[in-house]
Structure formats: structure tokens, C-alpha cells
Amino acid sequence: MAKKKFPLHPKHPERICWGCDKYCHADALMCGNGSGRTEHPADILGEDWYTWGDWRKDFEVESEEPPDPSC
């Protein structure tokens, strides 16, 4: 089974526990990783969380520059 792709910008990160690959609903934790959900990095660090530290190497980030119209 392939590993699930970790979303960079989920629509409602507060609704899901991000502690493991199960991505349980925050009110129905199945893995028993504690009494509360693990927050998505965007909850803690902001929308540009993957640009901090070594996160960027783990994701294929699309270029934010507009394409060159001469090509």
C-alpha cells in the first residue's frame, strides 16, 4: 500500500488529526496517540510552513513564478 500524500494546504486542517497516516476525524481518534489531535504544521507555522527548515525537500513545490510567455 502506498503512503498517502501529505497535503500542503488542506481546506480544514482543524478537523483532522495529522499524527499518523490514518488522518482520523478530530472527534474519532483511532490510533491512540494521545488525548488530543496532532495539529497540521499550517496550524502552527502558517501557510508557508513547508518553506521553513528542511520541510521543502520532502515536497514537490510548484514554482510561484509565472511561466515565461516567450516559450
Protein backbone atom coordinates (compact mmCIF):
# COMPACT_ATOMS: atom_id res chain seq x y z
CA MET A 1 0.00 0.00 0.00
CA ALA A 2 1.36 3.40 -0.98
CA LYS A 3 1.89 6.12 1.58
CA LYS A 4 -0.75 8.85 1.48
CA LYS A 5 0.36 12.19 0.07
CA PHE A 6 0.62 14.83 2.82
CA PRO A 7 -1.39 17.93 1.83
CA LEU A 8 0.41 21.28 1.89
CA HIS A 9 -2.75 23.40 2.20
CA PRO A 10 -5.74 21.39 3.48
CA LYS A 11 -9.07 23.25 3.48
CA HIS A 12 -9.94 22.48 7.11
CA PRO A 13 -6.82 21.20 8.93
CA GLU A 14 -8.51 21.65 12.30
CA ARG A 15 -10.95 18.81 11.53
CA ILE A 16 -8.29 16.09 11.18
CA CYS A 17 -5.60 14.56 13.38
CA TRP A 18 -2.29 14.64 11.48
CA GLY A 19 -0.39 12.34 13.88
CA CYS A 20 -0.27 9.30 11.57
CA ASP A 21 -1.33 8.15 8.09
CA LYS A 22 -4.89 7.39 9.21
CA TYR A 23 -5.91 11.09 9.18
CA CYS A 24 -8.75 10.47 11.66
CA HIS A 25 -11.51 12.97 12.31
CA ALA A 26 -10.57 15.08 15.35
CA ASP A 27 -13.52 13.65 17.31
CA ALA A 28 -12.80 9.99 16.49
CA LEU A 29 -9.12 9.19 17.03
CA MET A 30 -8.32 5.55 16.22
CA CYS A 31 -4.57 5.30 16.80
CA GLY A 32 -4.49 6.27 20.48
CA ASN A 33 -1.64 8.76 20.04
CA GLY A 34 -2.91 10.78 22.97
CA SER A 35 -5.97 12.56 24.21
CA GLY A 36 -6.00 15.24 21.51
CA ARG A 37 -5.33 15.61 17.82
CA THR A 38 -1.93 16.38 16.34
CA GLU A 39 -2.08 19.73 14.56
CA HIS A 40 -1.15 20.22 10.91
CA PRO A 41 2.05 22.27 10.53
CA ALA A 42 0.00 25.04 8.86
CA ASP A 43 -1.96 25.40 12.14
CA ILE A 44 1.26 26.16 13.98
CA LEU A 45 3.62 27.77 11.46
CA GLY A 46 1.24 29.36 8.92
CA GLU A 47 0.52 28.77 5.24
CA ASP A 48 4.20 28.85 4.25
CA TRP A 49 5.15 26.15 6.80
CA TYR A 50 6.88 23.93 4.22
CA THR A 51 9.40 26.67 3.36
CA TRP A 52 10.89 26.61 6.88
CA GLY A 53 13.84 24.35 7.72
CA ASP A 54 14.17 21.04 5.89
CA TRP A 55 10.46 20.57 5.02
CA ARG A 56 10.89 21.73 1.40
CA LYS A 57 13.00 18.73 0.41
CA ASP A 58 10.08 16.39 1.25
CA PHE A 59 7.58 18.08 -1.10
CA GLU A 60 7.35 18.87 -4.78
CA VAL A 61 6.58 22.58 -4.53
CA GLU A 62 5.24 24.27 -7.63
CA SER A 63 7.11 27.35 -8.71
CA GLU A 64 5.40 30.57 -7.69
CA GLU A 65 6.90 32.45 -10.63
CA PRO A 66 4.63 32.98 -13.65
CA PRO A 67 5.60 30.99 -16.74
CA ASP A 68 7.73 32.72 -19.36
CA PRO A 69 5.35 33.77 -22.19
CA SER A 70 8.17 33.69 -24.79
CA CYS A 71 8.47 29.89 -24.57
